[in-house]
């Protein structure tokens, strides 16, 4: 009976929360030290391109190790090639930084792409994290995967 209650609670939570995706959709891949832990690809409310709405669209990058990682030169991009390059960012051990789409002031926990338009498609997309040498680190995908209409 508790399994049924857990499934029901998960279903209610999925309806109540805004659309989000978590990383590591390739179960066979080893857990990376730095990875995409969550993506909020559909900001809550109306997509009105306000800075508030843009900043409610974000990607969490997590460092699971004890040591800090220098993210300088790393990139985060979508399927359409919109790219954010990390500049002067050190991600402490066992911590997460949230990369918002809109304009804001960078801090240790929040970074801003300073864009005035959405990056992540609501219906499908892939967030890809590459290191400073352009090598694949991690990705997170959601929705159906074929090229098509952007919002």
N, C-alpha and C. Protein backbone atom coordinates (compact mmCIF):
# COMPACT_ATOMS: atom_id res chain seq x y z
N UNK A 1 0.81 -1.19 0.00
CA UNK A 1 0.00 0.00 0.00
C UNK A 1 0.86 1.26 0.00
N UNK A 2 2.03 1.22 0.65
CA UNK A 2 2.88 2.41 0.67
C UNK A 2 3.44 2.71 -0.71
N UNK A 3 3.67 1.70 -1.53
CA UNK A 3 4.15 1.94 -2.90
C UNK A 3 3.11 2.71 -3.70
N UNK A 4 1.83 2.37 -3.53
CA UNK A 4 0.75 3.08 -4.22
C UNK A 4 0.71 4.53 -3.76
N UNK A 5 0.86 4.76 -2.47
CA UNK A 5 0.85 6.13 -1.93
C UNK A 5 2.03 6.93 -2.46
N UNK A 6 3.20 6.30 -2.59
CA UNK A 6 4.38 6.99 -3.10
C UNK A 6 4.19 7.38 -4.56
N UNK A 7 3.60 6.47 -5.35
CA UNK A 7 3.34 6.77 -6.76
C UNK A 7 2.33 7.91 -6.87
N UNK A 8 1.28 7.88 -6.06
CA UNK A 8 0.27 8.94 -6.08
C UNK A 8 0.88 10.28 -5.68
N UNK A 9 1.72 10.28 -4.66
CA UNK A 9 2.38 11.52 -4.23
C UNK A 9 3.29 12.06 -5.32
N UNK A 10 4.00 11.17 -5.99
CA UNK A 10 4.89 11.60 -7.08
C UNK A 10 4.08 12.19 -8.23
N UNK A 11 2.93 11.60 -8.53
CA UNK A 11 2.09 12.11 -9.61
C UNK A 11 1.55 13.49 -9.27
N UNK A 12 1.11 13.69 -8.03
CA UNK A 12 0.63 15.00 -7.60
C UNK A 12 1.74 16.02 -7.65
N UNK A 13 2.94 15.65 -7.20
CA UNK A 13 4.09 16.56 -7.23
C UNK A 13 4.46 16.95 -8.65
N UNK A 14 4.35 16.01 -9.58
CA UNK A 14 4.70 16.31 -10.97
C UNK A 14 3.74 17.31 -11.58
N UNK A 15 2.47 17.26 -11.18
CA UNK A 15 1.48 18.19 -11.71
C UNK A 15 1.66 19.57 -11.10
N UNK A 16 2.02 19.64 -9.82
CA UNK A 16 2.09 20.91 -9.11
C UNK A 16 3.37 21.70 -9.41
N UNK A 17 4.42 21.03 -9.81
CA UNK A 17 5.70 21.70 -10.03
C UNK A 17 5.85 22.15 -11.47
N UNK A 18 6.60 23.24 -11.72
CA UNK A 18 6.89 23.63 -13.09
C UNK A 18 7.78 22.58 -13.77
N UNK A 19 7.79 22.62 -15.08
CA UNK A 19 8.55 21.63 -15.84
C UNK A 19 10.04 21.74 -15.55
N UNK A 20 10.64 20.61 -15.22
CA UNK A 20 12.08 20.57 -14.94
C UNK A 20 12.61 19.21 -15.34
N UNK A 21 13.90 19.15 -15.60
CA UNK A 21 14.56 17.91 -15.95
C UNK A 21 15.78 17.75 -15.06
N UNK A 22 16.14 16.50 -14.79
CA UNK A 22 17.37 16.25 -14.05
C UNK A 22 18.38 15.63 -14.99
N UNK A 23 19.64 15.79 -14.68
CA UNK A 23 20.71 15.26 -15.52
C UNK A 23 20.83 13.76 -15.40
N UNK A 24 21.82 13.23 -16.08
CA UNK A 24 22.15 11.80 -16.07
C UNK A 24 21.02 10.94 -16.59
N UNK A 25 20.65 11.18 -17.83
CA UNK A 25 19.64 10.36 -18.46
C UNK A 25 20.24 9.15 -19.14
N UNK A 26 21.53 8.94 -19.00
CA UNK A 26 22.20 7.75 -19.52
C UNK A 26 22.61 6.88 -18.34
N UNK A 27 21.74 5.95 -17.92
CA UNK A 27 22.00 5.17 -16.71
C UNK A 27 23.31 4.40 -16.73
N UNK A 28 23.83 4.05 -17.92
CA UNK A 28 25.06 3.28 -18.00
C UNK A 28 26.32 4.12 -17.78
N UNK A 29 26.18 5.45 -17.89
CA UNK A 29 27.35 6.32 -17.77
C UNK A 29 27.75 6.47 -16.30
N UNK A 30 29.05 6.46 -16.05
CA UNK A 30 29.55 6.64 -14.69
C UNK A 30 29.21 8.04 -14.20
N UNK A 31 28.99 8.18 -12.92
CA UNK A 31 28.66 9.47 -12.31
C UNK A 31 29.85 10.41 -12.41
N UNK A 32 29.67 11.52 -13.11
CA UNK A 32 30.75 12.49 -13.32
C UNK A 32 30.97 13.32 -12.06
N UNK A 33 32.17 13.85 -11.91
CA UNK A 33 32.49 14.71 -10.78
C UNK A 33 31.71 16.01 -10.86
N UNK A 34 31.60 16.60 -12.05
CA UNK A 34 30.81 17.80 -12.29
C UNK A 34 29.73 17.42 -13.28
N UNK A 35 28.48 17.75 -12.96
CA UNK A 35 27.38 17.31 -13.80
C UNK A 35 26.20 18.27 -13.73
N UNK A 36 25.31 18.14 -14.70
CA UNK A 36 24.06 18.91 -14.72
C UNK A 36 23.10 18.17 -13.79
N UNK A 37 22.76 18.80 -12.68
CA UNK A 37 21.92 18.13 -11.69
C UNK A 37 20.43 18.43 -11.88
N UNK A 38 20.10 19.59 -12.49
CA UNK A 38 18.68 19.91 -12.70
C UNK A 38 18.57 21.03 -13.71
N UNK A 39 17.49 21.01 -14.49
CA UNK A 39 17.20 22.07 -15.46
C UNK A 39 15.76 22.52 -15.26
N UNK A 40 15.57 23.80 -15.07
CA UNK A 40 14.23 24.40 -15.05
C UNK A 40 14.05 25.04 -16.42
N UNK A 41 13.50 24.28 -17.36
CA UNK A 41 13.44 24.73 -18.75
C UNK A 41 12.18 25.51 -19.08
N UNK A 42 11.16 25.44 -18.25
CA UNK A 42 9.91 26.17 -18.49
C UNK A 42 9.64 27.03 -17.27
N UNK A 43 9.97 28.31 -17.36
CA UNK A 43 9.78 29.17 -16.20
C UNK A 43 8.30 29.23 -15.84
N UNK A 44 7.98 29.23 -14.54
CA UNK A 44 6.59 29.24 -14.10
C UNK A 44 5.86 30.49 -14.61
N UNK A 45 4.59 30.35 -14.88
CA UNK A 45 3.78 31.49 -15.32
C UNK A 45 3.88 31.71 -16.82
N UNK A 46 3.46 32.89 -17.23
CA UNK A 46 3.44 33.24 -18.65
C UNK A 46 4.85 33.55 -19.14
N UNK A 47 5.17 33.12 -20.35
CA UNK A 47 6.46 33.43 -20.96
C UNK A 47 6.38 34.83 -21.57
N UNK A 48 6.65 35.83 -20.74
CA UNK A 48 6.50 37.23 -21.18
C UNK A 48 7.84 37.91 -21.45
N UNK A 49 8.93 37.14 -21.39
CA UNK A 49 10.30 37.63 -21.62
C UNK A 49 10.74 38.71 -20.63
N UNK A 50 10.04 38.82 -19.52
CA UNK A 50 10.50 39.74 -18.47
C UNK A 50 11.76 39.15 -17.85
N UNK A 51 12.59 39.98 -17.25
CA UNK A 51 13.82 39.48 -16.63
C UNK A 51 13.49 38.48 -15.52
N UNK A 52 12.41 38.73 -14.79
CA UNK A 52 12.00 37.81 -13.72
C UNK A 52 11.70 36.43 -14.30
N UNK A 53 10.94 36.40 -15.39
CA UNK A 53 10.59 35.13 -16.03
C UNK A 53 11.84 34.45 -16.61
N UNK A 54 12.70 35.22 -17.26
CA UNK A 54 13.93 34.67 -17.83
C UNK A 54 14.81 34.04 -16.76
N UNK A 55 14.87 34.66 -15.58
CA UNK A 55 15.72 34.14 -14.51
C UNK A 55 15.11 32.95 -13.78
N UNK A 56 13.84 32.65 -14.08
CA UNK A 56 13.23 31.44 -13.52
C UNK A 56 13.44 30.25 -14.45
N UNK A 57 14.20 30.46 -15.52
CA UNK A 57 14.69 29.41 -16.41
C UNK A 57 16.17 29.26 -16.07
N UNK A 58 16.61 28.05 -15.65
CA UNK A 58 17.98 27.89 -15.18
C UNK A 58 18.47 26.45 -15.29
N UNK A 59 19.79 26.31 -15.12
CA UNK A 59 20.45 25.00 -15.11
C UNK A 59 21.34 24.94 -13.87
N UNK A 60 21.24 23.86 -13.11
CA UNK A 60 22.11 23.64 -11.96
C UNK A 60 23.30 22.78 -12.37
N UNK A 61 24.51 23.24 -12.02
CA UNK A 61 25.74 22.48 -12.24
C UNK A 61 26.29 22.12 -10.86
N UNK A 62 26.53 20.83 -10.63
CA UNK A 62 26.94 20.34 -9.31
C UNK A 62 28.33 19.71 -9.38
N UNK A 63 29.13 19.99 -8.36
CA UNK A 63 30.44 19.36 -8.17
C UNK A 63 30.28 18.37 -7.01
N UNK A 64 30.37 17.08 -7.31
CA UNK A 64 30.17 16.06 -6.29
C UNK A 64 31.45 15.69 -5.54
N UNK A 65 32.57 16.26 -5.93
CA UNK A 65 33.84 15.92 -5.28
C UNK A 65 34.11 16.84 -4.10
N UNK A 66 35.15 16.53 -3.36
CA UNK A 66 35.55 17.38 -2.22
C UNK A 66 36.37 18.58 -2.67
N UNK A 67 36.97 18.50 -3.86
CA UNK A 67 37.86 19.55 -4.35
C UNK A 67 37.13 20.54 -5.24
N UNK A 68 37.56 21.78 -5.19
CA UNK A 68 37.01 22.81 -6.06
C UNK A 68 37.42 22.53 -7.50
N UNK A 69 36.57 22.95 -8.44
CA UNK A 69 36.85 22.78 -9.86
C UNK A 69 36.81 24.15 -10.52
N UNK A 70 37.82 24.46 -11.32
CA UNK A 70 37.87 25.71 -12.06
C UNK A 70 37.05 25.52 -13.34
N UNK A 71 35.94 26.25 -13.47
CA UNK A 71 35.06 26.14 -14.63
C UNK A 71 35.40 27.17 -15.71
N UNK A 72 36.46 27.93 -15.53
CA UNK A 72 36.83 28.95 -16.51
C UNK A 72 36.98 28.33 -17.90
N UNK A 73 36.23 28.86 -18.87
CA UNK A 73 36.29 28.36 -20.24
C UNK A 73 35.33 27.22 -20.54
N UNK A 74 34.67 26.65 -19.52
CA UNK A 74 33.66 25.62 -19.75
C UNK A 74 32.46 26.28 -20.42
N UNK A 75 31.66 25.48 -21.14
CA UNK A 75 30.48 26.02 -21.80
C UNK A 75 29.24 25.19 -21.50
N UNK A 76 28.10 25.88 -21.57
CA UNK A 76 26.79 25.26 -21.43
C UNK A 76 26.01 25.69 -22.65
N UNK A 77 25.44 24.73 -23.40
CA UNK A 77 24.75 25.10 -24.64
C UNK A 77 23.48 24.28 -24.83
N UNK A 78 22.62 24.81 -25.71
CA UNK A 78 21.40 24.10 -26.06
C UNK A 78 21.54 23.50 -27.46
N UNK A 79 20.49 22.84 -27.94
CA UNK A 79 20.54 22.18 -29.25
C UNK A 79 20.68 23.18 -30.40
N UNK A 80 20.21 24.41 -30.21
CA UNK A 80 20.29 25.42 -31.26
C UNK A 80 21.61 26.17 -31.27
N UNK A 81 22.51 25.83 -30.36
CA UNK A 81 23.83 26.45 -30.34
C UNK A 81 23.97 27.67 -29.47
N UNK A 82 22.91 28.05 -28.72
CA UNK A 82 23.07 29.14 -27.75
C UNK A 82 24.08 28.68 -26.71
N UNK A 83 25.13 29.45 -26.51
CA UNK A 83 26.23 29.02 -25.65
C UNK A 83 26.54 30.05 -24.58
N UNK A 84 26.69 29.56 -23.36
CA UNK A 84 27.14 30.38 -22.23
C UNK A 84 28.53 29.88 -21.86
N UNK A 85 29.49 30.80 -21.74
CA UNK A 85 30.86 30.43 -21.35
C UNK A 85 31.11 30.90 -19.93
N UNK A 86 31.56 29.99 -19.08
CA UNK A 86 31.88 30.31 -17.70
C UNK A 86 33.17 31.13 -17.67
N UNK A 87 33.15 32.25 -16.98
CA UNK A 87 34.32 33.13 -16.84
C UNK A 87 34.61 33.33 -15.36
N UNK A 88 35.83 33.03 -14.95
CA UNK A 88 36.29 33.26 -13.58
C UNK A 88 35.35 32.62 -12.56
N UNK A 89 35.02 31.34 -12.80
CA UNK A 89 34.11 30.61 -11.91
C UNK A 89 34.83 29.44 -11.30
N UNK A 90 34.85 29.39 -9.99
CA UNK A 90 35.40 28.27 -9.24
C UNK A 90 34.22 27.64 -8.49
N UNK A 91 33.96 26.37 -8.78
CA UNK A 91 32.87 25.66 -8.13
C UNK A 91 33.44 24.84 -6.98
N UNK A 92 33.13 25.27 -5.77
CA UNK A 92 33.64 24.60 -4.58
C UNK A 92 33.22 23.13 -4.55
N UNK A 93 33.92 22.34 -3.77
CA UNK A 93 33.58 20.94 -3.60
C UNK A 93 32.20 20.79 -2.97
N UNK A 94 31.50 19.77 -3.43
CA UNK A 94 30.16 19.45 -2.93
C UNK A 94 29.24 20.67 -2.92
N UNK A 95 29.23 21.37 -4.04
CA UNK A 95 28.36 22.55 -4.15
C UNK A 95 27.73 22.62 -5.54
N UNK A 96 26.77 23.50 -5.67
CA UNK A 96 26.02 23.68 -6.91
C UNK A 96 25.96 25.15 -7.26
N UNK A 97 26.05 25.45 -8.55
CA UNK A 97 25.85 26.81 -9.03
C UNK A 97 24.68 26.78 -10.01
N UNK A 98 23.81 27.77 -9.92
CA UNK A 98 22.63 27.87 -10.79
C UNK A 98 22.91 28.90 -11.87
N UNK A 99 22.77 28.51 -13.14
CA UNK A 99 23.00 29.39 -14.28
C UNK A 99 21.64 29.85 -14.81
N UNK A 100 21.29 31.11 -14.54
CA UNK A 100 20.02 31.70 -14.96
C UNK A 100 20.15 32.25 -16.38
N UNK A 101 19.05 32.32 -17.10
CA UNK A 101 19.05 32.83 -18.46
C UNK A 101 19.14 34.35 -18.52
N UNK A 102 18.43 35.04 -17.64
CA UNK A 102 18.32 36.50 -17.71
C UNK A 102 19.51 37.26 -17.18
N UNK A 103 19.26 38.54 -16.89
CA UNK A 103 20.29 39.47 -16.44
C UNK A 103 20.32 39.48 -14.91
N UNK A 104 21.53 39.55 -14.35
CA UNK A 104 21.67 39.61 -12.90
C UNK A 104 23.13 39.77 -12.51
N UNK A 105 23.36 39.77 -11.22
CA UNK A 105 24.72 39.92 -10.67
C UNK A 105 25.21 38.55 -10.22
N UNK A 106 26.33 38.11 -10.80
CA UNK A 106 26.89 36.80 -10.47
C UNK A 106 27.30 36.73 -9.00
N UNK A 107 27.12 35.54 -8.42
CA UNK A 107 27.56 35.27 -7.05
C UNK A 107 28.14 33.85 -7.03
N UNK A 108 28.50 33.36 -5.87
CA UNK A 108 29.05 32.00 -5.75
C UNK A 108 28.00 30.94 -6.07
N UNK A 109 26.72 31.27 -5.88
CA UNK A 109 25.66 30.28 -6.07
C UNK A 109 24.80 30.54 -7.30
N UNK A 110 24.88 31.73 -7.88
CA UNK A 110 24.03 32.08 -9.02
C UNK A 110 24.85 32.82 -10.08
N UNK A 111 24.73 32.35 -11.32
CA UNK A 111 25.36 33.00 -12.46
C UNK A 111 24.27 33.41 -13.44
N UNK A 112 24.53 34.43 -14.25
CA UNK A 112 23.53 34.96 -15.17
C UNK A 112 24.10 35.04 -16.58
N UNK A 113 23.33 34.54 -17.56
CA UNK A 113 23.76 34.58 -18.95
C UNK A 113 23.56 35.97 -19.55
N UNK A 114 22.79 36.81 -18.89
CA UNK A 114 22.51 38.19 -19.36
C UNK A 114 21.84 38.20 -20.73
N UNK A 115 20.90 37.29 -20.92
CA UNK A 115 20.13 37.23 -22.16
C UNK A 115 18.78 37.91 -21.98
N UNK A 116 18.21 38.33 -23.08
CA UNK A 116 16.89 38.96 -23.06
C UNK A 116 15.86 38.12 -23.80
N UNK A 117 16.20 36.85 -24.05
CA UNK A 117 15.30 35.89 -24.67
C UNK A 117 15.55 34.52 -24.05
N UNK A 118 14.55 33.64 -24.09
CA UNK A 118 14.67 32.31 -23.53
C UNK A 118 15.69 31.48 -24.32
N UNK A 119 16.31 30.53 -23.64
CA UNK A 119 17.27 29.63 -24.27
C UNK A 119 16.66 28.24 -24.41
N UNK A 120 16.09 27.72 -23.34
CA UNK A 120 15.68 26.31 -23.28
C UNK A 120 14.26 26.16 -23.80
N UNK A 121 14.08 25.27 -24.78
CA UNK A 121 12.75 24.98 -25.33
C UNK A 121 11.89 24.30 -24.27
N UNK A 122 10.61 24.67 -24.24
CA UNK A 122 9.69 24.04 -23.29
C UNK A 122 9.32 22.62 -23.69
N UNK A 123 9.25 22.34 -24.99
CA UNK A 123 8.78 21.03 -25.43
C UNK A 123 9.89 19.99 -25.56
N UNK A 124 11.09 20.40 -25.91
CA UNK A 124 12.22 19.48 -26.02
C UNK A 124 13.51 20.29 -26.12
N UNK A 125 14.59 19.74 -25.65
CA UNK A 125 15.91 20.36 -25.79
C UNK A 125 16.92 19.48 -25.08
N UNK A 126 18.17 19.86 -25.20
CA UNK A 126 19.25 19.20 -24.47
C UNK A 126 20.21 20.27 -23.99
N UNK A 127 20.50 20.26 -22.70
CA UNK A 127 21.53 21.11 -22.12
C UNK A 127 22.81 20.29 -22.10
N UNK A 128 23.88 20.84 -22.70
CA UNK A 128 25.15 20.11 -22.78
C UNK A 128 26.25 20.92 -22.11
N UNK A 129 27.01 20.27 -21.24
CA UNK A 129 28.12 20.89 -20.54
C UNK A 129 29.42 20.35 -21.12
N UNK A 130 30.30 21.28 -21.56
CA UNK A 130 31.60 20.92 -22.11
C UNK A 130 32.70 21.57 -21.27
N UNK A 131 33.85 20.90 -21.14
CA UNK A 131 34.94 21.48 -20.37
C UNK A 131 35.70 22.51 -21.21
N UNK A 132 36.78 23.06 -20.66
CA UNK A 132 37.52 24.13 -21.33
C UNK A 132 38.27 23.64 -22.57
N UNK A 133 38.31 22.35 -22.79
CA UNK A 133 38.93 21.80 -24.01
C UNK A 133 37.88 21.36 -25.02
N UNK A 134 36.61 21.69 -24.73
CA UNK A 134 35.52 21.33 -25.62
C UNK A 134 35.09 19.88 -25.53
N UNK A 135 35.53 19.19 -24.49
CA UNK A 135 35.17 17.79 -24.31
C UNK A 135 33.86 17.66 -23.53
N UNK A 136 33.05 16.71 -23.95
CA UNK A 136 31.77 16.44 -23.30
C UNK A 136 31.96 16.09 -21.83
N UNK A 137 31.15 16.73 -20.97
CA UNK A 137 31.15 16.43 -19.54
C UNK A 137 29.83 15.77 -19.15
N UNK A 138 28.71 16.38 -19.55
CA UNK A 138 27.40 15.85 -19.19
C UNK A 138 26.33 16.51 -20.05
N UNK A 139 25.14 15.91 -20.05
CA UNK A 139 23.99 16.54 -20.69
C UNK A 139 22.71 16.13 -19.97
N UNK A 140 21.66 16.87 -20.23
CA UNK A 140 20.32 16.57 -19.72
C UNK A 140 19.34 16.90 -20.84
N UNK A 141 18.44 15.98 -21.13
CA UNK A 141 17.47 16.15 -22.21
C UNK A 141 16.06 15.99 -21.70
N UNK A 142 15.10 16.58 -22.42
CA UNK A 142 13.69 16.43 -22.08
C UNK A 142 12.87 16.52 -23.36
N UNK A 143 11.66 15.98 -23.29
CA UNK A 143 10.72 16.06 -24.39
C UNK A 143 11.08 15.20 -25.58
N UNK A 144 10.36 15.42 -26.67
CA UNK A 144 10.63 14.68 -27.91
C UNK A 144 11.83 15.30 -28.60
N UNK A 145 12.63 14.49 -29.26
CA UNK A 145 13.88 14.99 -29.82
C UNK A 145 13.90 14.99 -31.34
N UNK A 146 13.32 16.04 -31.89
CA UNK A 146 13.46 16.32 -33.31
C UNK A 146 13.43 17.82 -33.48
N UNK A 147 14.05 18.30 -34.52
CA UNK A 147 14.11 19.74 -34.76
C UNK A 147 12.71 20.24 -35.07
N UNK A 148 12.38 21.42 -34.61
CA UNK A 148 11.05 21.94 -34.88
C UNK A 148 10.88 23.34 -34.33
N UNK A 149 9.69 23.65 -33.98
CA UNK A 149 9.30 24.98 -33.55
C UNK A 149 9.88 25.35 -32.18
N UNK A 150 10.47 26.54 -32.11
CA UNK A 150 10.87 27.12 -30.82
C UNK A 150 9.74 28.00 -30.34
N UNK A 151 9.71 28.26 -29.04
CA UNK A 151 8.61 29.07 -28.50
C UNK A 151 8.55 30.42 -29.07
